[in-house]
Amino acid sequence: MKIKNLHFNEIAGHVYIYENKVNQCMLIAIPDMHWSLEIDSSLNEDDMNEELVIHLFTLLDESTASQIADDIVKWIFES
């Protein structure tokens, strides 16, 4: 599990990224926003980013959702 600190404008908190290799999915959670998402871990960076933006956009404006999605995807694909 990866735990990262999120700081963007007035939004701050931890992002938890758990990869379930057996089910080939990831669970991404931002508890301070009461938000989580299960996503297919076989998606490429662009598709994963798009999926995250779609789901974050239900809580945030588009530019904030896009920036947070970019950060999460970067953390997922870092070594």
PDB file of N, CA and C in Angstrom:
ATOM      1  N   MET A   1       0.849  -1.173   0.000  1.00  0.00           N
ATOM      2  CA  MET A   1       0.000   0.000   0.000  1.00  0.00           C
ATOM      3  C   MET A   1       0.893   1.233   0.000  1.00  0.00           C
ATOM      4  N   LYS A   2       0.490   2.185  -0.808  1.00  0.00           N
ATOM      5  CA  LYS A   2       1.167   3.483  -0.832  1.00  0.00           C
ATOM      6  C   LYS A   2       0.285   4.478  -0.093  1.00  0.00           C
ATOM      7  N   ILE A   3       0.914   5.306   0.718  1.00  0.00           N
ATOM      8  CA  ILE A   3       0.206   6.380   1.413  1.00  0.00           C
ATOM      9  C   ILE A   3       0.917   7.676   1.061  1.00  0.00           C
ATOM     10  N   LYS A   4       0.194   8.586   0.444  1.00  0.00           N
ATOM     11  CA  LYS A   4       0.768   9.857  -0.006  1.00  0.00           C
ATOM     12  C   LYS A   4       0.007  11.016   0.621  1.00  0.00           C
ATOM     13  N   ASN A   5       0.682  12.129   0.735  1.00  0.00           N
ATOM     14  CA  ASN A   5       0.056  13.349   1.244  1.00  0.00           C
ATOM     15  C   ASN A   5      -0.454  14.181   0.076  1.00  0.00           C
ATOM     16  N   LEU A   6      -1.691  14.580   0.161  1.00  0.00           N
ATOM     17  CA  LEU A   6      -2.323  15.399  -0.866  1.00  0.00           C
ATOM     18  C   LEU A   6      -2.443  16.827  -0.354  1.00  0.00           C
ATOM     19  N   HIS A   7      -1.917  17.765  -1.115  1.00  0.00           N
ATOM     20  CA  HIS A   7      -2.049  19.194  -0.795  1.00  0.00           C
ATOM     21  C   HIS A   7      -2.356  19.921  -2.097  1.00  0.00           C
ATOM     22  N   PHE A   8      -3.576  20.392  -2.231  1.00  0.00           N
ATOM     23  CA  PHE A   8      -3.962  21.139  -3.420  1.00  0.00           C
ATOM     24  C   PHE A   8      -5.014  22.160  -3.015  1.00  0.00           C
ATOM     25  N   ASN A   9      -4.676  23.430  -3.174  1.00  0.00           N
ATOM     26  CA  ASN A   9      -5.556  24.518  -2.726  1.00  0.00           C
ATOM     27  C   ASN A   9      -5.991  24.272  -1.284  1.00  0.00           C
ATOM     28  N   GLU A  10      -7.281  24.210  -1.032  1.00  0.00           N
ATOM     29  CA  GLU A  10      -7.764  24.010   0.329  1.00  0.00           C
ATOM     30  C   GLU A  10      -7.939  22.534   0.675  1.00  0.00           C
ATOM     31  N   ILE A  11      -7.584  21.644  -0.249  1.00  0.00           N
ATOM     32  CA  ILE A  11      -7.748  20.208  -0.040  1.00  0.00           C
ATOM     33  C   ILE A  11      -6.433  19.617   0.464  1.00  0.00           C
ATOM     34  N   ALA A  12      -6.505  18.946   1.597  1.00  0.00           N
ATOM     35  CA  ALA A  12      -5.323  18.294   2.157  1.00  0.00           C
ATOM     36  C   ALA A  12      -5.763  17.002   2.833  1.00  0.00           C
ATOM     37  N   GLY A  13      -4.902  16.025   2.789  1.00  0.00           N
ATOM     38  CA  GLY A  13      -5.202  14.750   3.437  1.00  0.00           C
ATOM     39  C   GLY A  13      -4.322  13.663   2.872  1.00  0.00           C
ATOM     40  N   HIS A  14      -4.591  12.456   3.293  1.00  0.00           N
ATOM     41  CA  HIS A  14      -3.834  11.315   2.813  1.00  0.00           C
ATOM     42  C   HIS A  14      -4.575  10.642   1.662  1.00  0.00           C
ATOM     43  N   VAL A  15      -3.793  10.111   0.724  1.00  0.00           N
ATOM     44  CA  VAL A  15      -4.322   9.274  -0.346  1.00  0.00           C
ATOM     45  C   VAL A  15      -3.767   7.877  -0.111  1.00  0.00           C
ATOM     46  N   TYR A  16      -4.647   6.898  -0.061  1.00  0.00           N
ATOM     47  CA  TYR A  16      -4.249   5.508   0.137  1.00  0.00           C
ATOM     48  C   TYR A  16      -4.443   4.768  -1.178  1.00  0.00           C
ATOM     49  N   ILE A  17      -3.398   4.085  -1.622  1.00  0.00           N
ATOM     50  CA  ILE A  17      -3.447   3.352  -2.887  1.00  0.00           C
ATOM     51  C   ILE A  17      -3.070   1.904  -2.593  1.00  0.00           C
ATOM     52  N   TYR A  18      -4.034   1.006  -2.733  1.00  0.00           N
ATOM     53  CA  TYR A  18      -3.813  -0.414  -2.456  1.00  0.00           C
ATOM     54  C   TYR A  18      -4.006  -1.197  -3.742  1.00  0.00           C
ATOM     55  N   GLU A  19      -3.027  -2.028  -4.083  1.00  0.00           N
ATOM     56  CA  GLU A  19      -3.144  -2.860  -5.282  1.00  0.00           C
ATOM     57  C   GLU A  19      -3.450  -4.291  -4.874  1.00  0.00           C
ATOM     58  N   ASN A  20      -4.562  -4.816  -5.371  1.00  0.00           N
ATOM     59  CA  ASN A  20      -4.939  -6.209  -5.167  1.00  0.00           C
ATOM     60  C   ASN A  20      -4.523  -6.964  -6.422  1.00  0.00           C
ATOM     61  N   LYS A  21      -3.390  -7.649  -6.349  1.00  0.00           N
ATOM     62  CA  LYS A  21      -2.841  -8.323  -7.528  1.00  0.00           C
ATOM     63  C   LYS A  21      -3.683  -9.521  -7.943  1.00  0.00           C
ATOM     64  N   VAL A  22      -4.337 -10.176  -6.986  1.00  0.00           N
ATOM     65  CA  VAL A  22      -5.160 -11.339  -7.302  1.00  0.00           C
ATOM     66  C   VAL A  22      -6.346 -10.932  -8.174  1.00  0.00           C
ATOM     67  N   ASN A  23      -7.026  -9.864  -7.792  1.00  0.00           N
ATOM     68  CA  ASN A  23      -8.206  -9.403  -8.540  1.00  0.00           C
ATOM     69  C   ASN A  23      -7.868  -8.378  -9.611  1.00  0.00           C
ATOM     70  N   GLN A  24      -6.598  -8.032  -9.748  1.00  0.00           N
ATOM     71  CA  GLN A  24      -6.119  -7.058 -10.734  1.00  0.00           C
ATOM     72  C   GLN A  24      -6.900  -5.741 -10.659  1.00  0.00           C
ATOM     73  N   CYS A  25      -6.967  -5.216  -9.443  1.00  0.00           N
ATOM     74  CA  CYS A  25      -7.630  -3.933  -9.264  1.00  0.00           C
ATOM     75  C   CYS A  25      -6.887  -3.125  -8.206  1.00  0.00           C
ATOM     76  N   MET A  26      -7.200  -1.863  -8.152  1.00  0.00           N
ATOM     77  CA  MET A  26      -6.629  -0.969  -7.154  1.00  0.00           C
ATOM     78  C   MET A  26      -7.770  -0.299  -6.410  1.00  0.00           C
ATOM     79  N   LEU A  27      -7.543  -0.099  -5.123  1.00  0.00           N
ATOM     80  CA  LEU A  27      -8.471   0.674  -4.320  1.00  0.00           C
ATOM     81  C   LEU A  27      -7.767   1.970  -3.967  1.00  0.00           C
ATOM     82  N   ILE A  28      -8.366   3.070  -4.351  1.00  0.00           N
ATOM     83  CA  ILE A  28      -7.808   4.396  -4.089  1.00  0.00           C
ATOM     84  C   ILE A  28      -8.797   5.108  -3.171  1.00  0.00           C
ATOM     85  N   ALA A  29      -8.288   5.628  -2.064  1.00  0.00           N
ATOM     86  CA  ALA A  29      -9.178   6.268  -1.092  1.00  0.00           C
ATOM     87  C   ALA A  29      -8.589   7.578  -0.597  1.00  0.00           C
ATOM     88  N   ILE A  30      -9.461   8.565  -0.445  1.00  0.00           N
ATOM     89  CA  ILE A  30      -9.123   9.838   0.190  1.00  0.00           C
ATOM     90  C   ILE A  30     -10.157  10.017   1.306  1.00  0.00           C
ATOM     91  N   PRO A  31      -9.867   9.473   2.497  1.00  0.00           N
ATOM     92  CA  PRO A  31     -10.861   9.480   3.577  1.00  0.00           C
ATOM     93  C   PRO A  31     -11.348  10.871   3.978  1.00  0.00           C
ATOM     94  N   ASP A  32     -10.472  11.866   3.947  1.00  0.00           N
ATOM     95  CA  ASP A  32     -10.887  13.212   4.346  1.00  0.00           C
ATOM     96  C   ASP A  32     -11.950  13.796   3.418  1.00  0.00           C
ATOM     97  N   MET A  33     -12.051  13.261   2.206  1.00  0.00           N
ATOM     98  CA  MET A  33     -13.076  13.703   1.259  1.00  0.00           C
ATOM     99  C   MET A  33     -14.245  12.717   1.208  1.00  0.00           C
ATOM    100  N   HIS A  34     -14.169  11.656   2.016  1.00  0.00           N
ATOM    101  CA  HIS A  34     -15.183  10.599   1.994  1.00  0.00           C
ATOM    102  C   HIS A  34     -15.324  10.038   0.578  1.00  0.00           C
ATOM    103  N   TRP A  35     -14.166   9.731  -0.043  1.00  0.00           N
ATOM    104  CA  TRP A  35     -14.143   9.302  -1.440  1.00  0.00           C
ATOM    105  C   TRP A  35     -13.248   8.079  -1.585  1.00  0.00           C
ATOM    106  N   SER A  36     -13.715   7.110  -2.364  1.00  0.00           N
ATOM    107  CA  SER A  36     -12.886   5.957  -2.712  1.00  0.00           C
ATOM    108  C   SER A  36     -13.341   5.415  -4.060  1.00  0.00           C
ATOM    109  N   LEU A  37     -12.441   4.653  -4.669  1.00  0.00           N
ATOM    110  CA  LEU A  37     -12.728   4.108  -5.993  1.00  0.00           C
ATOM    111  C   LEU A  37     -11.949   2.823  -6.177  1.00  0.00           C
ATOM    112  N   GLU A  38     -12.622   1.804  -6.706  1.00  0.00           N
ATOM    113  CA  GLU A  38     -11.944   0.583  -7.126  1.00  0.00           C
ATOM    114  C   GLU A  38     -11.795   0.670  -8.637  1.00  0.00           C
ATOM    115  N   ILE A  39     -10.566   0.467  -9.113  1.00  0.00           N
ATOM    116  CA  ILE A  39     -10.281   0.662 -10.533  1.00  0.00           C
ATOM    117  C   ILE A  39      -9.423  -0.489 -11.050  1.00  0.00           C
ATOM    118  N   ASP A  40      -9.627  -0.864 -12.290  1.00  0.00           N
ATOM    119  CA  ASP A  40      -8.876  -1.948 -12.925  1.00  0.00           C
ATOM    120  C   ASP A  40      -7.405  -1.557 -13.029  1.00  0.00           C
ATOM    121  N   SER A  41      -6.518  -2.372 -12.494  1.00  0.00           N
ATOM    122  CA  SER A  41      -5.092  -2.028 -12.498  1.00  0.00           C
ATOM    123  C   SER A  41      -4.430  -2.249 -13.854  1.00  0.00           C
ATOM    124  N   SER A  42      -5.151  -2.835 -14.810  1.00  0.00           N
ATOM    125  CA  SER A  42      -4.568  -3.033 -16.139  1.00  0.00           C
ATOM    126  C   SER A  42      -4.728  -1.807 -17.047  1.00  0.00           C
ATOM    127  N   LEU A  43      -5.423  -0.775 -16.578  1.00  0.00           N
ATOM    128  CA  LEU A  43      -5.595   0.439 -17.385  1.00  0.00           C
ATOM    129  C   LEU A  43      -4.260   1.151 -17.574  1.00  0.00           C
ATOM    130  N   ASN A  44      -4.103   1.792 -18.733  1.00  0.00           N
ATOM    131  CA  ASN A  44      -2.892   2.593 -18.945  1.00  0.00           C
ATOM    132  C   ASN A  44      -3.054   3.942 -18.233  1.00  0.00           C
ATOM    133  N   GLU A  45      -1.998   4.727 -18.231  1.00  0.00           N
ATOM    134  CA  GLU A  45      -2.002   5.998 -17.488  1.00  0.00           C
ATOM    135  C   GLU A  45      -3.124   6.932 -17.931  1.00  0.00           C
ATOM    136  N   ASP A  46      -3.312   7.076 -19.242  1.00  0.00           N
ATOM    137  CA  ASP A  46      -4.340   7.996 -19.747  1.00  0.00           C
ATOM    138  C   ASP A  46      -5.751   7.554 -19.354  1.00  0.00           C
ATOM    139  N   ASP A  47      -6.025   6.252 -19.515  1.00  0.00           N
ATOM    140  CA  ASP A  47      -7.356   5.746 -19.176  1.00  0.00           C
ATOM    141  C   ASP A  47      -7.627   5.842 -17.675  1.00  0.00           C
ATOM    142  N   MET A  48      -6.592   5.551 -16.881  1.00  0.00           N
ATOM    143  CA  MET A  48      -6.750   5.646 -15.432  1.00  0.00           C
ATOM    144  C   MET A  48      -6.997   7.099 -15.017  1.00  0.00           C
ATOM    145  N   ASN A  49      -6.263   8.010 -15.628  1.00  0.00           N
ATOM    146  CA  ASN A  49      -6.434   9.430 -15.331  1.00  0.00           C
ATOM    147  C   ASN A  49      -7.858   9.871 -15.665  1.00  0.00           C
ATOM    148  N   GLU A  50      -8.340   9.471 -16.820  1.00  0.00           N
ATOM    149  CA  GLU A  50      -9.692   9.849 -17.245  1.00  0.00           C
ATOM    150  C   GLU A  50     -10.743   9.305 -16.276  1.00  0.00           C
ATOM    151  N   GLU A  51     -10.572   8.060 -15.860  1.00  0.00           N
ATOM    152  CA  GLU A  51     -11.511   7.444 -14.923  1.00  0.00           C
ATOM    153  C   GLU A  51     -11.511   8.176 -13.576  1.00  0.00           C
ATOM    154  N   LEU A  52     -10.327   8.533 -13.102  1.00  0.00           N
ATOM    155  CA  LEU A  52     -10.226   9.265 -11.836  1.00  0.00           C
ATOM    156  C   LEU A  52     -10.886  10.638 -11.929  1.00  0.00           C
ATOM    157  N   VAL A  53     -10.644  11.347 -13.022  1.00  0.00           N
ATOM    158  CA  VAL A  53     -11.245  12.674 -13.196  1.00  0.00           C
ATOM    159  C   VAL A  53     -12.772  12.569 -13.184  1.00  0.00           C
ATOM    160  N   ILE A  54     -13.301  11.587 -13.885  1.00  0.00           N
ATOM    161  CA  ILE A  54     -14.756  11.411 -13.938  1.00  0.00           C
ATOM    162  C   ILE A  54     -15.333  11.244 -12.535  1.00  0.00           C
ATOM    163  N   HIS A  55     -14.679  10.437 -11.718  1.00  0.00           N
ATOM    164  CA  HIS A  55     -15.205  10.167 -10.377  1.00  0.00           C
ATOM    165  C   HIS A  55     -14.932  11.301  -9.395  1.00  0.00           C
ATOM    166  N   LEU A  56     -13.778  11.940  -9.504  1.00  0.00           N
ATOM    167  CA  LEU A  56     -13.480  13.077  -8.624  1.00  0.00           C
ATOM    168  C   LEU A  56     -14.353  14.286  -8.961  1.00  0.00           C
ATOM    169  N   PHE A  57     -14.755  14.395 -10.228  1.00  0.00           N
ATOM    170  CA  PHE A  57     -15.568  15.523 -10.685  1.00  0.00           C
ATOM    171  C   PHE A  57     -16.946  15.533 -10.012  1.00  0.00           C
ATOM    172  N   THR A  58     -17.358  14.410  -9.428  1.00  0.00           N
ATOM    173  CA  THR A  58     -18.633  14.395  -8.701  1.00  0.00           C
ATOM    174  C   THR A  58     -18.549  15.199  -7.407  1.00  0.00           C
ATOM    175  N   LEU A  59     -17.311  15.432  -6.921  1.00  0.00           N
ATOM    176  CA  LEU A  59     -17.114  16.184  -5.675  1.00  0.00           C
ATOM    177  C   LEU A  59     -16.438  17.532  -5.869  1.00  0.00           C
ATOM    178  N   LEU A  60     -15.673  17.666  -6.942  1.00  0.00           N
ATOM    179  CA  LEU A  60     -14.793  18.824  -7.126  1.00  0.00           C
ATOM    180  C   LEU A  60     -15.029  19.468  -8.483  1.00  0.00           C
ATOM    181  N   ASP A  61     -14.502  20.686  -8.655  1.00  0.00           N
ATOM    182  CA  ASP A  61     -14.557  21.287  -9.987  1.00  0.00           C
ATOM    183  C   ASP A  61     -13.573  20.548 -10.896  1.00  0.00           C
ATOM    184  N   GLU A  62     -13.726  20.745 -12.205  1.00  0.00           N
ATOM    185  CA  GLU A  62     -12.966  19.958 -13.176  1.00  0.00           C
ATOM    186  C   GLU A  62     -11.457  20.155 -13.068  1.00  0.00           C
ATOM    187  N   SER A  63     -11.000  21.383 -12.892  1.00  0.00           N
ATOM    188  CA  SER A  63      -9.552  21.616 -12.844  1.00  0.00           C
ATOM    189  C   SER A  63      -8.934  20.998 -11.589  1.00  0.00           C
ATOM    190  N   THR A  64      -9.617  21.081 -10.461  1.00  0.00           N
ATOM    191  CA  THR A  64      -9.119  20.460  -9.230  1.00  0.00           C
ATOM    192  C   THR A  64      -9.120  18.943  -9.372  1.00  0.00           C
ATOM    193  N   ALA A  65     -10.201  18.393  -9.912  1.00  0.00           N
ATOM    194  CA  ALA A  65     -10.280  16.948 -10.128  1.00  0.00           C
ATOM    195  C   ALA A  65      -9.162  16.475 -11.044  1.00  0.00           C
ATOM    196  N   SER A  66      -8.890  17.235 -12.087  1.00  0.00           N
ATOM    197  CA  SER A  66      -7.838  16.880 -13.035  1.00  0.00           C
ATOM    198  C   SER A  66      -6.459  16.907 -12.383  1.00  0.00           C
ATOM    199  N   GLN A  67      -6.194  17.918 -11.579  1.00  0.00           N
ATOM    200  CA  GLN A  67      -4.890  18.028 -10.914  1.00  0.00           C
ATOM    201  C   GLN A  67      -4.682  16.897  -9.909  1.00  0.00           C
ATOM    202  N   ILE A  68      -5.694  16.601  -9.130  1.00  0.00           N
ATOM    203  CA  ILE A  68      -5.584  15.517  -8.153  1.00  0.00           C
ATOM    204  C   ILE A  68      -5.434  14.177  -8.867  1.00  0.00           C
ATOM    205  N   ALA A  69      -6.173  13.972  -9.948  1.00  0.00           N
ATOM    206  CA  ALA A  69      -6.042  12.738 -10.726  1.00  0.00           C
ATOM    207  C   ALA A  69      -4.630  12.598 -11.282  1.00  0.00           C
ATOM    208  N   ASP A  70      -4.060  13.690 -11.778  1.00  0.00           N
ATOM    209  CA  ASP A  70      -2.678  13.656 -12.283  1.00  0.00           C
ATOM    210  C   ASP A  70      -1.711  13.208 -11.195  1.00  0.00           C
ATOM    211  N   ASP A  71      -1.868  13.752  -9.998  1.00  0.00           N
ATOM    212  CA  ASP A  71      -0.992  13.379  -8.882  1.00  0.00           C
ATOM    213  C   ASP A  71      -1.151  11.906  -8.527  1.00  0.00           C
ATOM    214  N   ILE A  72      -2.383  11.435  -8.453  1.00  0.00           N
ATOM    215  CA  ILE A  72      -2.626  10.037  -8.090  1.00  0.00           C
ATOM    216  C   ILE A  72      -2.026   9.097  -9.132  1.00  0.00           C
ATOM    217  N   VAL A  73      -2.229   9.392 -10.404  1.00  0.00           N
ATOM    218  CA  VAL A  73      -1.669   8.543 -11.465  1.00  0.00           C
ATOM    219  C   VAL A  73      -0.147   8.539 -11.395  1.00  0.00           C
ATOM    220  N   LYS A  74       0.447   9.690 -11.132  1.00  0.00           N
ATOM    221  CA  LYS A  74       1.905   9.766 -10.985  1.00  0.00           C
ATOM    222  C   LYS A  74       2.364   8.849  -9.858  1.00  0.00           C
ATOM    223  N   TRP A  75       1.674   8.872  -8.730  1.00  0.00           N
ATOM    224  CA  TRP A  75       2.040   8.032  -7.588  1.00  0.00           C
ATOM    225  C   TRP A  75       1.847   6.550  -7.899  1.00  0.00           C
ATOM    226  N   ILE A  76       0.800   6.216  -8.641  1.00  0.00           N
ATOM    227  CA  ILE A  76       0.540   4.813  -8.977  1.00  0.00           C
ATOM    228  C   ILE A  76       1.657   4.251  -9.849  1.00  0.00           C
ATOM    229  N   PHE A  77       2.096   5.025 -10.830  1.00  0.00           N
ATOM    230  CA  PHE A  77       3.059   4.511 -11.801  1.00  0.00           C
ATOM    231  C   PHE A  77       4.511   4.773 -11.430  1.00  0.00           C
ATOM    232  N   GLU A  78       4.770   5.435 -10.290  1.00  0.00           N
ATOM    233  CA  GLU A  78       6.159   5.629  -9.880  1.00  0.00           C
ATOM    234  C   GLU A  78       6.736   4.304  -9.397  1.00  0.00           C
ATOM    235  N   SER A  79       8.030   4.174  -9.520  1.00  0.00           N
ATOM    236  CA  SER A  79       8.687   2.916  -9.127  1.00  0.00           C
ATOM    237  C   SER A  79       8.753   2.764  -7.633  1.00  0.00           C
TER     238      SER A  79
END
